[in-house]
Structure formats: structure tokens, C-alpha cells
Amino acid sequence: MVLAATYYFFDPAEVKWMPRCIWKVATGTDCPGCGSQRMAHALMHGDIAGAWKANAYALCMLPLIGVLLVAELFRNRHPRFYRRLHSPSVIWGLAVSVFIWWVGRNLV
């Protein structure tokens, strides 16, 4: 709750004490997660366009993250669903999509 309140009340783009991306500091390029803090802040204020601009990939992955959390909570009740979401093909597909996002966002 404290973390959510922090992102609600403080804009990561404006305050200096928010954590910075080590990858971006070191290389000057965006990592797949760059902009996630700004996306969370914008989303908490209902600014979908701002959230999209900050990190479109992370915004699109939020429903999947929700499904993964539900699968984790009910892994004993629905083990087939859990195993299907944690199958090698799903994991590799997500890894490839993260890599494509990482490269693509730095080319544009």
C-alpha cells in the first residue's frame, strides 16, 4: 500500500529520489521496463494515453500479470491452468516478445 501511495502522490518524472534505471544510466538506451514507474503513476490518475506513452508494453501486459497472479493463487485448485501458463512455449513466447519490445523501442 505504501508503494502504491508513493506512486500515486509523487510523479517519478519530477522527483529526483525515485529509482532510476541502471541500464538507461549505463547505456543511454531504454530497457523493456523503462517508463514503468511513470506508467503506473499515469494509470493511477486515469491517464491511459500517458501510461501508453510511458511504457505501452507494460500497460498491455497488465492483464496477463493479473491472470498469472490468479493462476498462482489457485495453483492447487486448477493445476492444469497453472501448468499451461508456465509451459515452456508460453515462457519462450513472453521472452521473445520482451526482446522484440526492447529492440523495437530503441530503434524508433
PDB file of N, CA and C in Angstrom:
ATOM      1  N   MET A   1       0.809  -1.198   0.000  1.00  0.00           N
ATOM      2  CA  MET A   1       0.000   0.000   0.000  1.00  0.00           C
ATOM      3  C   MET A   1       0.853   1.264   0.000  1.00  0.00           C
ATOM      4  N   VAL A   2       1.955   1.227   0.744  1.00  0.00           N
ATOM      5  CA  VAL A   2       2.837   2.390   0.811  1.00  0.00           C
ATOM      6  C   VAL A   2       3.442   2.659  -0.561  1.00  0.00           C
ATOM      7  N   LEU A   3       3.839   1.593  -1.258  1.00  0.00           N
ATOM      8  CA  LEU A   3       4.419   1.752  -2.588  1.00  0.00           C
ATOM      9  C   LEU A   3       3.400   2.350  -3.553  1.00  0.00           C
ATOM     10  N   ALA A   4       2.179   1.855  -3.522  1.00  0.00           N
ATOM     11  CA  ALA A   4       1.131   2.392  -4.393  1.00  0.00           C
ATOM     12  C   ALA A   4       0.855   3.858  -4.066  1.00  0.00           C
ATOM     13  N   ALA A   5       0.798   4.196  -2.802  1.00  0.00           N
ATOM     14  CA  ALA A   5       0.566   5.592  -2.405  1.00  0.00           C
ATOM     15  C   ALA A   5       1.714   6.480  -2.866  1.00  0.00           C
ATOM     16  N   THR A   6       2.932   5.962  -2.795  1.00  0.00           N
ATOM     17  CA  THR A   6       4.086   6.735  -3.248  1.00  0.00           C
ATOM     18  C   THR A   6       3.963   7.051  -4.735  1.00  0.00           C
ATOM     19  N   TYR A   7       3.611   6.050  -5.533  1.00  0.00           N
ATOM     20  CA  TYR A   7       3.465   6.273  -6.970  1.00  0.00           C
ATOM     21  C   TYR A   7       2.239   7.130  -7.291  1.00  0.00           C
ATOM     22  N   TYR A   8       1.260   7.115  -6.433  1.00  0.00           N
ATOM     23  CA  TYR A   8       0.089   7.962  -6.665  1.00  0.00           C
ATOM     24  C   TYR A   8       0.415   9.431  -6.397  1.00  0.00           C
ATOM     25  N   PHE A   9       1.068   9.703  -5.288  1.00  0.00           N
ATOM     26  CA  PHE A   9       1.290  11.087  -4.874  1.00  0.00           C
ATOM     27  C   PHE A   9       2.530  11.736  -5.482  1.00  0.00           C
ATOM     28  N   PHE A  10       3.500  10.939  -5.908  1.00  0.00           N
ATOM     29  CA  PHE A  10       4.735  11.508  -6.446  1.00  0.00           C
ATOM     30  C   PHE A  10       4.937  11.072  -7.890  1.00  0.00           C
ATOM     31  N   ASP A  11       5.125  12.035  -8.777  1.00  0.00           N
ATOM     32  CA  ASP A  11       5.371  11.753 -10.182  1.00  0.00           C
ATOM     33  C   ASP A  11       6.847  11.382 -10.363  1.00  0.00           C
ATOM     34  N   PRO A  12       7.139  10.151 -10.793  1.00  0.00           N
ATOM     35  CA  PRO A  12       8.526   9.724 -10.953  1.00  0.00           C
ATOM     36  C   PRO A  12       9.318  10.576 -11.945  1.00  0.00           C
ATOM     37  N   ALA A  13       8.636  11.233 -12.855  1.00  0.00           N
ATOM     38  CA  ALA A  13       9.325  12.080 -13.831  1.00  0.00           C
ATOM     39  C   ALA A  13       9.782  13.397 -13.207  1.00  0.00           C
ATOM     40  N   GLU A  14       9.203  13.760 -12.062  1.00  0.00           N
ATOM     41  CA  GLU A  14       9.508  15.060 -11.471  1.00  0.00           C
ATOM     42  C   GLU A  14      10.355  15.000 -10.203  1.00  0.00           C
ATOM     43  N   VAL A  15      10.297  13.910  -9.474  1.00  0.00           N
ATOM     44  CA  VAL A  15      11.069  13.833  -8.229  1.00  0.00           C
ATOM     45  C   VAL A  15      12.413  13.154  -8.492  1.00  0.00           C
ATOM     46  N   LYS A  16      13.427  13.623  -7.827  1.00  0.00           N
ATOM     47  CA  LYS A  16      14.790  13.128  -8.060  1.00  0.00           C
ATOM     48  C   LYS A  16      15.116  11.871  -7.257  1.00  0.00           C
ATOM     49  N   TRP A  17      14.366  11.580  -6.199  1.00  0.00           N
ATOM     50  CA  TRP A  17      14.710  10.469  -5.324  1.00  0.00           C
ATOM     51  C   TRP A  17      14.119   9.130  -5.763  1.00  0.00           C
ATOM     52  N   MET A  18      13.303   9.124  -6.816  1.00  0.00           N
ATOM     53  CA  MET A  18      12.781   7.850  -7.326  1.00  0.00           C
ATOM     54  C   MET A  18      13.921   7.072  -7.988  1.00  0.00           C
ATOM     55  N   PRO A  19      13.884   5.753  -7.909  1.00  0.00           N
ATOM     56  CA  PRO A  19      14.963   4.969  -8.515  1.00  0.00           C
ATOM     57  C   PRO A  19      15.034   5.174 -10.028  1.00  0.00           C
ATOM     58  N   ARG A  20      16.237   5.222 -10.540  1.00  0.00           N
ATOM     59  CA  ARG A  20      16.474   5.358 -11.976  1.00  0.00           C
ATOM     60  C   ARG A  20      16.913   4.008 -12.539  1.00  0.00           C
ATOM     61  N   CYS A  21      16.666   3.815 -13.817  1.00  0.00           N
ATOM     62  CA  CYS A  21      17.028   2.569 -14.486  1.00  0.00           C
ATOM     63  C   CYS A  21      18.547   2.500 -14.665  1.00  0.00           C
ATOM     64  N   ILE A  22      19.142   1.474 -14.117  1.00  0.00           N
ATOM     65  CA  ILE A  22      20.589   1.294 -14.205  1.00  0.00           C
ATOM     66  C   ILE A  22      21.005   1.094 -15.662  1.00  0.00           C
ATOM     67  N   TRP A  23      20.208   0.344 -16.410  1.00  0.00           N
ATOM     68  CA  TRP A  23      20.524   0.102 -17.814  1.00  0.00           C
ATOM     69  C   TRP A  23      20.559   1.416 -18.598  1.00  0.00           C
ATOM     70  N   LYS A  24      19.545   2.263 -18.390  1.00  0.00           N
ATOM     71  CA  LYS A  24      19.483   3.530 -19.119  1.00  0.00           C
ATOM     72  C   LYS A  24      20.625   4.460 -18.709  1.00  0.00           C
ATOM     73  N   VAL A  25      20.948   4.483 -17.437  1.00  0.00           N
ATOM     74  CA  VAL A  25      22.053   5.313 -16.965  1.00  0.00           C
ATOM     75  C   VAL A  25      23.365   4.842 -17.595  1.00  0.00           C
ATOM     76  N   ALA A  26      23.549   3.529 -17.685  1.00  0.00           N
ATOM     77  CA  ALA A  26      24.802   2.973 -18.202  1.00  0.00           C
ATOM     78  C   ALA A  26      24.922   3.052 -19.719  1.00  0.00           C
ATOM     79  N   THR A  27      23.806   2.847 -20.439  1.00  0.00           N
ATOM     80  CA  THR A  27      23.889   2.739 -21.898  1.00  0.00           C
ATOM     81  C   THR A  27      23.221   3.884 -22.645  1.00  0.00           C
ATOM     82  N   GLY A  28      22.304   4.576 -21.997  1.00  0.00           N
ATOM     83  CA  GLY A  28      21.556   5.628 -22.676  1.00  0.00           C
ATOM     84  C   GLY A  28      20.381   5.112 -23.492  1.00  0.00           C
ATOM     85  N   THR A  29      20.171   3.799 -23.492  1.00  0.00           N
ATOM     86  CA  THR A  29      19.033   3.212 -24.206  1.00  0.00           C
ATOM     87  C   THR A  29      18.005   2.720 -23.189  1.00  0.00           C
ATOM     88  N   ASP A  30      16.783   2.529 -23.652  1.00  0.00           N
ATOM     89  CA  ASP A  30      15.703   2.067 -22.779  1.00  0.00           C
ATOM     90  C   ASP A  30      15.734   0.546 -22.627  1.00  0.00           C
ATOM     91  N   CYS A  31      15.499   0.090 -21.412  1.00  0.00           N
ATOM     92  CA  CYS A  31      15.300  -1.338 -21.184  1.00  0.00           C
ATOM     93  C   CYS A  31      13.804  -1.620 -21.366  1.00  0.00           C
ATOM     94  N   PRO A  32      13.372  -2.879 -21.359  1.00  0.00           N
ATOM     95  CA  PRO A  32      11.938  -3.160 -21.536  1.00  0.00           C
ATOM     96  C   PRO A  32      11.054  -2.532 -20.453  1.00  0.00           C
ATOM     97  N   GLY A  33      11.611  -2.305 -19.267  1.00  0.00           N
ATOM     98  CA  GLY A  33      10.813  -1.763 -18.174  1.00  0.00           C
ATOM     99  C   GLY A  33      10.879  -0.254 -18.023  1.00  0.00           C
ATOM    100  N   CYS A  34      11.745   0.397 -18.807  1.00  0.00           N
ATOM    101  CA  CYS A  34      11.866   1.855 -18.682  1.00  0.00           C
ATOM    102  C   CYS A  34      10.512   2.520 -18.911  1.00  0.00           C
ATOM    103  N   GLY A  35      10.149   3.390 -18.015  1.00  0.00           N
ATOM    104  CA  GLY A  35       8.873   4.094 -18.094  1.00  0.00           C
ATOM    105  C   GLY A  35       7.776   3.440 -17.275  1.00  0.00           C
ATOM    106  N   SER A  36       8.065   2.304 -16.656  1.00  0.00           N
ATOM    107  CA  SER A  36       7.032   1.603 -15.887  1.00  0.00           C
ATOM    108  C   SER A  36       6.563   2.403 -14.681  1.00  0.00           C
ATOM    109  N   GLN A  37       7.469   3.119 -14.039  1.00  0.00           N
ATOM    110  CA  GLN A  37       7.076   3.947 -12.897  1.00  0.00           C
ATOM    111  C   GLN A  37       6.152   5.071 -13.351  1.00  0.00           C
ATOM    112  N   ARG A  38       6.515   5.716 -14.455  1.00  0.00           N
ATOM    113  CA  ARG A  38       5.660   6.793 -14.987  1.00  0.00           C
ATOM    114  C   ARG A  38       4.330   6.232 -15.470  1.00  0.00           C
ATOM    115  N   MET A  39       4.366   5.004 -16.036  1.00  0.00           N
ATOM    116  CA  MET A  39       3.135   4.366 -16.478  1.00  0.00           C
ATOM    117  C   MET A  39       2.206   4.112 -15.297  1.00  0.00           C
ATOM    118  N   ALA A  40       2.772   3.603 -14.198  1.00  0.00           N
ATOM    119  CA  ALA A  40       1.957   3.329 -13.004  1.00  0.00           C
ATOM    120  C   ALA A  40       1.351   4.623 -12.464  1.00  0.00           C
ATOM    121  N   HIS A  41       2.142   5.671 -12.410  1.00  0.00           N
ATOM    122  CA  HIS A  41       1.643   6.958 -11.921  1.00  0.00           C
ATOM    123  C   HIS A  41       0.514   7.472 -12.818  1.00  0.00           C
ATOM    124  N   ALA A  42       0.721   7.437 -14.124  1.00  0.00           N
ATOM    125  CA  ALA A  42      -0.300   7.921 -15.054  1.00  0.00           C
ATOM    126  C   ALA A  42      -1.570   7.081 -14.952  1.00  0.00           C
ATOM    127  N   LEU A  43      -1.410   5.771 -14.853  1.00  0.00           N
ATOM    128  CA  LEU A  43      -2.567   4.875 -14.766  1.00  0.00           C
ATOM    129  C   LEU A  43      -3.373   5.119 -13.498  1.00  0.00           C
ATOM    130  N   MET A  44      -2.687   5.384 -12.402  1.00  0.00           N
ATOM    131  CA  MET A  44      -3.382   5.665 -11.143  1.00  0.00           C
ATOM    132  C   MET A  44      -4.172   6.964 -11.195  1.00  0.00           C
ATOM    133  N   HIS A  45      -3.820   7.826 -12.119  1.00  0.00           N
ATOM    134  CA  HIS A  45      -4.543   9.090 -12.288  1.00  0.00           C
ATOM    135  C   HIS A  45      -5.492   9.048 -13.482  1.00  0.00           C
ATOM    136  N   GLY A  46      -5.705   7.858 -14.034  1.00  0.00           N
ATOM    137  CA  GLY A  46      -6.653   7.693 -15.126  1.00  0.00           C
ATOM    138  C   GLY A  46      -6.158   8.184 -16.469  1.00  0.00           C
ATOM    139  N   ASP A  47      -4.874   8.434 -16.594  1.00  0.00           N
ATOM    140  CA  ASP A  47      -4.293   8.939 -17.838  1.00  0.00           C
ATOM    141  C   ASP A  47      -3.786   7.768 -18.676  1.00  0.00           C
ATOM    142  N   ILE A  48      -4.699   7.142 -19.420  1.00  0.00           N
ATOM    143  CA  ILE A  48      -4.350   5.981 -20.233  1.00  0.00           C
ATOM    144  C   ILE A  48      -3.350   6.364 -21.324  1.00  0.00           C
ATOM    145  N   ALA A  49      -3.550   7.500 -21.958  1.00  0.00           N
ATOM    146  CA  ALA A  49      -2.629   7.940 -23.016  1.00  0.00           C
ATOM    147  C   ALA A  49      -1.231   8.167 -22.457  1.00  0.00           C
ATOM    148  N   GLY A  50      -1.132   8.774 -21.295  1.00  0.00           N
ATOM    149  CA  GLY A  50       0.170   8.981 -20.660  1.00  0.00           C
ATOM    150  C   GLY A  50       0.822   7.671 -20.276  1.00  0.00           C
ATOM    151  N   ALA A  51       0.011   6.718 -19.796  1.00  0.00           N
ATOM    152  CA  ALA A  51       0.539   5.400 -19.443  1.00  0.00           C
ATOM    153  C   ALA A  51       1.051   4.689 -20.694  1.00  0.00           C
ATOM    154  N   TRP A  52       0.310   4.799 -21.789  1.00  0.00           N
ATOM    155  CA  TRP A  52       0.709   4.189 -23.057  1.00  0.00           C
ATOM    156  C   TRP A  52       2.028   4.791 -23.545  1.00  0.00           C
ATOM    157  N   LYS A  53       2.137   6.098 -23.441  1.00  0.00           N
ATOM    158  CA  LYS A  53       3.348   6.786 -23.895  1.00  0.00           C
ATOM    159  C   LYS A  53       4.562   6.404 -23.034  1.00  0.00           C
ATOM    160  N   ALA A  54       4.354   6.204 -21.754  1.00  0.00           N
ATOM    161  CA  ALA A  54       5.453   5.875 -20.845  1.00  0.00           C
ATOM    162  C   ALA A  54       5.987   4.468 -21.090  1.00  0.00           C
ATOM    163  N   ASN A  55       5.101   3.474 -21.210  1.00  0.00           N
ATOM    164  CA  ASN A  55       5.531   2.104 -21.486  1.00  0.00           C
ATOM    165  C   ASN A  55       4.325   1.295 -21.966  1.00  0.00           C
ATOM    166  N   ALA A  56       4.140   1.265 -23.275  1.00  0.00           N
ATOM    167  CA  ALA A  56       2.996   0.583 -23.872  1.00  0.00           C
ATOM    168  C   ALA A  56       3.025  -0.923 -23.598  1.00  0.00           C
ATOM    169  N   TYR A  57       4.198  -1.511 -23.637  1.00  0.00           N
ATOM    170  CA  TYR A  57       4.306  -2.958 -23.436  1.00  0.00           C
ATOM    171  C   TYR A  57       3.858  -3.340 -22.027  1.00  0.00           C
ATOM    172  N   ALA A  58       4.358  -2.628 -21.034  1.00  0.00           N
ATOM    173  CA  ALA A  58       3.974  -2.936 -19.654  1.00  0.00           C
ATOM    174  C   ALA A  58       2.474  -2.751 -19.456  1.00  0.00           C
ATOM    175  N   LEU A  59       1.915  -1.729 -20.072  1.00  0.00           N
ATOM    176  CA  LEU A  59       0.475  -1.495 -19.971  1.00  0.00           C
ATOM    177  C   LEU A  59      -0.298  -2.665 -20.576  1.00  0.00           C
ATOM    178  N   CYS A  60       0.154  -3.141 -21.722  1.00  0.00           N
ATOM    179  CA  CYS A  60      -0.517  -4.272 -22.368  1.00  0.00           C
ATOM    180  C   CYS A  60      -0.355  -5.575 -21.590  1.00  0.00           C
ATOM    181  N   MET A  61       0.704  -5.683 -20.818  1.00  0.00           N
ATOM    182  CA  MET A  61       0.971  -6.904 -20.059  1.00  0.00           C
ATOM    183  C   MET A  61       0.223  -6.956 -18.725  1.00  0.00           C
ATOM    184  N   LEU A  62      -0.368  -5.860 -18.298  1.00  0.00           N
ATOM    185  CA  LEU A  62      -1.072  -5.854 -17.008  1.00  0.00           C
ATOM    186  C   LEU A  62      -2.156  -6.925 -16.905  1.00  0.00           C
ATOM    187  N   PRO A  63      -3.003  -7.127 -17.941  1.00  0.00           N
ATOM    188  CA  PRO A  63      -3.986  -8.212 -17.821  1.00  0.00           C
ATOM    189  C   PRO A  63      -3.336  -9.589 -17.675  1.00  0.00           C
ATOM    190  N   LEU A  64      -2.239  -9.817 -18.407  1.00  0.00           N
ATOM    191  CA  LEU A  64      -1.539 -11.097 -18.283  1.00  0.00           C
ATOM    192  C   LEU A  64      -0.966 -11.265 -16.886  1.00  0.00           C
ATOM    193  N   ILE A  65      -0.419 -10.204 -16.333  1.00  0.00           N
ATOM    194  CA  ILE A  65       0.104 -10.263 -14.970  1.00  0.00           C
ATOM    195  C   ILE A  65      -1.017 -10.621 -13.992  1.00  0.00           C
ATOM    196  N   GLY A  66      -2.198 -10.045 -14.219  1.00  0.00           N
ATOM    197  CA  GLY A  66      -3.357 -10.388 -13.385  1.00  0.00           C
ATOM    198  C   GLY A  66      -3.725 -11.855 -13.498  1.00  0.00           C
ATOM    199  N   VAL A  67      -3.720 -12.386 -14.721  1.00  0.00           N
ATOM    200  CA  VAL A  67      -4.029 -13.799 -14.930  1.00  0.00           C
ATOM    201  C   VAL A  67      -2.981 -14.676 -14.250  1.00  0.00           C
ATOM    202  N   LEU A  68      -1.714 -14.300 -14.353  1.00  0.00           N
ATOM    203  CA  LEU A  68      -0.649 -15.070 -13.706  1.00  0.00           C
ATOM    204  C   LEU A  68      -0.794 -15.059 -12.189  1.00  0.00           C
ATOM    205  N   LEU A  69      -1.217 -13.924 -11.634  1.00  0.00           N
ATOM    206  CA  LEU A  69      -1.442 -13.864 -10.187  1.00  0.00           C
ATOM    207  C   LEU A  69      -2.601 -14.753  -9.757  1.00  0.00           C
ATOM    208  N   VAL A  70      -3.669 -14.746 -10.533  1.00  0.00           N
ATOM    209  CA  VAL A  70      -4.815 -15.611 -10.225  1.00  0.00           C
ATOM    210  C   VAL A  70      -4.401 -17.075 -10.326  1.00  0.00           C
ATOM    211  N   ALA A  71      -3.636 -17.408 -11.375  1.00  0.00           N
ATOM    212  CA  ALA A  71      -3.168 -18.789 -11.534  1.00  0.00           C
ATOM    213  C   ALA A  71      -2.302 -19.212 -10.352  1.00  0.00           C
ATOM    214  N   GLU A  72      -1.481 -18.282  -9.867  1.00  0.00           N
ATOM    215  CA  GLU A  72      -0.628 -18.591  -8.711  1.00  0.00           C
ATOM    216  C   GLU A  72      -1.475 -18.812  -7.450  1.00  0.00           C
ATOM    217  N   LEU A  73      -2.478 -17.969  -7.254  1.00  0.00           N
ATOM    218  CA  LEU A  73      -3.328 -18.091  -6.075  1.00  0.00           C
ATOM    219  C   LEU A  73      -4.120 -19.401  -6.068  1.00  0.00           C
ATOM    220  N   PHE A  74      -4.513 -19.862  -7.260  1.00  0.00           N
ATOM    221  CA  PHE A  74      -5.345 -21.059  -7.361  1.00  0.00           C
ATOM    222  C   PHE A  74      -4.598 -22.232  -7.995  1.00  0.00           C
ATOM    223  N   ARG A  75      -3.288 -22.263  -7.820  1.00  0.00           N
ATOM    224  CA  ARG A  75      -2.486 -23.302  -8.473  1.00  0.00           C
ATOM    225  C   ARG A  75      -2.845 -24.705  -7.993  1.00  0.00           C
ATOM    226  N   ASN A  76      -3.253 -24.870  -6.749  1.00  0.00           N
ATOM    227  CA  ASN A  76      -3.632 -26.194  -6.248  1.00  0.00           C
ATOM    228  C   ASN A  76      -5.030 -26.585  -6.694  1.00  0.00           C
ATOM    229  N   ARG A  77      -5.895 -25.614  -6.865  1.00  0.00           N
ATOM    230  CA  ARG A  77      -7.264 -25.892  -7.283  1.00  0.00           C
ATOM    231  C   ARG A  77      -7.356 -26.139  -8.788  1.00  0.00           C
ATOM    232  N   HIS A  78      -6.516 -25.443  -9.567  1.00  0.00           N
ATOM    233  CA  HIS A  78      -6.523 -25.571 -11.030  1.00  0.00           C
ATOM    234  C   HIS A  78      -5.101 -25.806 -11.542  1.00  0.00           C
ATOM    235  N   PRO A  79      -4.534 -26.967 -11.259  1.00  0.00           N
ATOM    236  CA  PRO A  79      -3.138 -27.208 -11.623  1.00  0.00           C
ATOM    237  C   PRO A  79      -2.887 -27.231 -13.135  1.00  0.00           C
ATOM    238  N   ARG A  80      -3.857 -27.684 -13.925  1.00  0.00           N
ATOM    239  CA  ARG A  80      -3.660 -27.695 -15.389  1.00  0.00           C
ATOM    240  C   ARG A  80      -3.539 -26.280 -15.934  1.00  0.00           C
ATOM    241  N   PHE A  81      -4.364 -25.382 -15.445  1.00  0.00           N
ATOM    242  CA  PHE A  81      -4.304 -23.981 -15.873  1.00  0.00           C
ATOM    243  C   PHE A  81      -2.942 -23.379 -15.504  1.00  0.00           C
ATOM    244  N   TYR A  82      -2.494 -23.660 -14.296  1.00  0.00           N
ATOM    245  CA  TYR A  82      -1.199 -23.165 -13.838  1.00  0.00           C
ATOM    246  C   TYR A  82      -0.068 -23.708 -14.708  1.00  0.00           C
ATOM    247  N   ARG A  83      -0.085 -25.016 -14.963  1.00  0.00           N
ATOM    248  CA  ARG A  83       0.971 -25.634 -15.780  1.00  0.00           C
ATOM    249  C   ARG A  83       0.955 -25.103 -17.205  1.00  0.00           C
ATOM    250  N   ARG A  84      -0.220 -24.874 -17.743  1.00  0.00           N
ATOM    251  CA  ARG A  84      -0.311 -24.350 -19.111  1.00  0.00           C
ATOM    252  C   ARG A  84       0.293 -22.956 -19.198  1.00  0.00           C
ATOM    253  N   LEU A  85       0.024 -22.101 -18.210  1.00  0.00           N
ATOM    254  CA  LEU A  85       0.594 -20.748 -18.216  1.00  0.00           C
ATOM    255  C   LEU A  85       2.100 -20.750 -17.983  1.00  0.00           C
ATOM    256  N   HIS A  86       2.604 -21.787 -17.342  1.00  0.00           N
ATOM    257  CA  HIS A  86       4.024 -21.878 -17.049  1.00  0.00           C
ATOM    258  C   HIS A  86       4.735 -22.878 -17.963  1.00  0.00           C
ATOM    259  N   SER A  87       4.135 -23.141 -19.099  1.00  0.00           N
ATOM    260  CA  SER A  87       4.739 -24.067 -20.058  1.00  0.00           C
ATOM    261  C   SER A  87       5.906 -23.387 -20.776  1.00  0.00           C
ATOM    262  N   PRO A  88       6.839 -24.171 -21.269  1.00  0.00           N
ATOM    263  CA  PRO A  88       7.983 -23.592 -21.986  1.00  0.00           C
ATOM    264  C   PRO A  88       7.577 -22.711 -23.167  1.00  0.00           C
ATOM    265  N   SER A  89       6.520 -23.084 -23.881  1.00  0.00           N
ATOM    266  CA  SER A  89       6.122 -22.287 -25.043  1.00  0.00           C
ATOM    267  C   SER A  89       5.631 -20.897 -24.627  1.00  0.00           C
ATOM    268  N   VAL A  90       4.894 -20.806 -23.530  1.00  0.00           N
ATOM    269  CA  VAL A  90       4.423 -19.505 -23.043  1.00  0.00           C
ATOM    270  C   VAL A  90       5.606 -18.680 -22.534  1.00  0.00           C
ATOM    271  N   ILE A  91       6.484 -19.305 -21.796  1.00  0.00           N
ATOM    272  CA  ILE A  91       7.656 -18.598 -21.259  1.00  0.00           C
ATOM    273  C   ILE A  91       8.540 -18.093 -22.388  1.00  0.00           C
ATOM    274  N   TRP A  92       8.819 -18.939 -23.381  1.00  0.00           N
ATOM    275  CA  TRP A  92       9.634 -18.514 -24.519  1.00  0.00           C
ATOM    276  C   TRP A  92       8.930 -17.433 -25.327  1.00  0.00           C
ATOM    277  N   GLY A  93       7.630 -17.554 -25.488  1.00  0.00           N
ATOM    278  CA  GLY A  93       6.876 -16.525 -26.216  1.00  0.00           C
ATOM    279  C   GLY A  93       6.968 -15.170 -25.536  1.00  0.00           C
ATOM    280  N   LEU A  94       6.847 -15.162 -24.217  1.00  0.00           N
ATOM    281  CA  LEU A  94       6.981 -13.905 -23.473  1.00  0.00           C
ATOM    282  C   LEU A  94       8.400 -13.356 -23.555  1.00  0.00           C
ATOM    283  N   ALA A  95       9.390 -14.239 -23.466  1.00  0.00           N
ATOM    284  CA  ALA A  95      10.782 -13.795 -23.562  1.00  0.00           C
ATOM    285  C   ALA A  95      11.055 -13.167 -24.925  1.00  0.00           C
ATOM    286  N   VAL A  96      10.554 -13.782 -25.979  1.00  0.00           N
ATOM    287  CA  VAL A  96      10.743 -13.234 -27.333  1.00  0.00           C
ATOM    288  C   VAL A  96      10.022 -11.899 -27.466  1.00  0.00           C
ATOM    289  N   SER A  97       8.806 -11.798 -26.922  1.00  0.00           N
ATOM    290  CA  SER A  97       8.065 -10.535 -27.028  1.00  0.00           C
ATOM    291  C   SER A  97       8.766  -9.409 -26.258  1.00  0.00           C
ATOM    292  N   VAL A  98       9.346  -9.728 -25.106  1.00  0.00           N
ATOM    293  CA  VAL A  98      10.102  -8.722 -24.346  1.00  0.00           C
ATOM    294  C   VAL A  98      11.317  -8.276 -25.146  1.00  0.00           C
ATOM    295  N   PHE A  99      12.027  -9.213 -25.769  1.00  0.00           N
ATOM    296  CA  PHE A  99      13.194  -8.874 -26.571  1.00  0.00           C
ATOM    297  C   PHE A  99      12.812  -8.001 -27.767  1.00  0.00           C
ATOM    298  N   ILE A 100      11.732  -8.352 -28.449  1.00  0.00           N
ATOM    299  CA  ILE A 100      11.271  -7.555 -29.594  1.00  0.00           C
ATOM    300  C   ILE A 100      10.916  -6.142 -29.138  1.00  0.00           C
ATOM    301  N   TRP A 101      10.226  -6.015 -28.001  1.00  0.00           N
ATOM    302  CA  TRP A 101       9.891  -4.691 -27.457  1.00  0.00           C
ATOM    303  C   TRP A 101      11.164  -3.911 -27.135  1.00  0.00           C
ATOM    304  N   TRP A 102      12.121  -4.573 -26.517  1.00  0.00           N
ATOM    305  CA  TRP A 102      13.376  -3.933 -26.112  1.00  0.00           C
ATOM    306  C   TRP A 102      14.108  -3.361 -27.320  1.00  0.00           C
ATOM    307  N   VAL A 103      14.252  -4.183 -28.346  1.00  0.00           N
ATOM    308  CA  VAL A 103      14.947  -3.726 -29.549  1.00  0.00           C
ATOM    309  C   VAL A 103      14.116  -2.679 -30.282  1.00  0.00           C
ATOM    310  N   GLY A 104      12.844  -2.962 -30.461  1.00  0.00           N
ATOM    311  CA  GLY A 104      11.964  -2.076 -31.225  1.00  0.00           C
ATOM    312  C   GLY A 104      11.844  -0.680 -30.649  1.00  0.00           C
ATOM    313  N   ARG A 105      11.730  -0.571 -29.348  1.00  0.00           N
ATOM    314  CA  ARG A 105      11.558   0.759 -28.745  1.00  0.00           C
ATOM    315  C   ARG A 105      12.817   1.597 -28.842  1.00  0.00           C
ATOM    316  N   ASN A 106      13.956   0.968 -29.021  1.00  0.00           N
ATOM    317  CA  ASN A 106      15.204   1.725 -29.160  1.00  0.00           C
ATOM    318  C   ASN A 106      15.518   2.058 -30.612  1.00  0.00           C
ATOM    319  N   LEU A 107      14.816   1.446 -31.551  1.00  0.00           N
ATOM    320  CA  LEU A 107      15.018   1.750 -32.963  1.00  0.00           C
ATOM    321  C   LEU A 107      14.178   2.948 -33.429  1.00  0.00           C
ATOM    322  N   VAL A 108      13.091   3.194 -32.733  1.00  0.00           N
ATOM    323  CA  VAL A 108      12.195   4.281 -33.152  1.00  0.00           C
ATOM    324  C   VAL A 108      12.572   5.596 -32.525  1.00  0.00           C
TER     325      VAL A 108
END
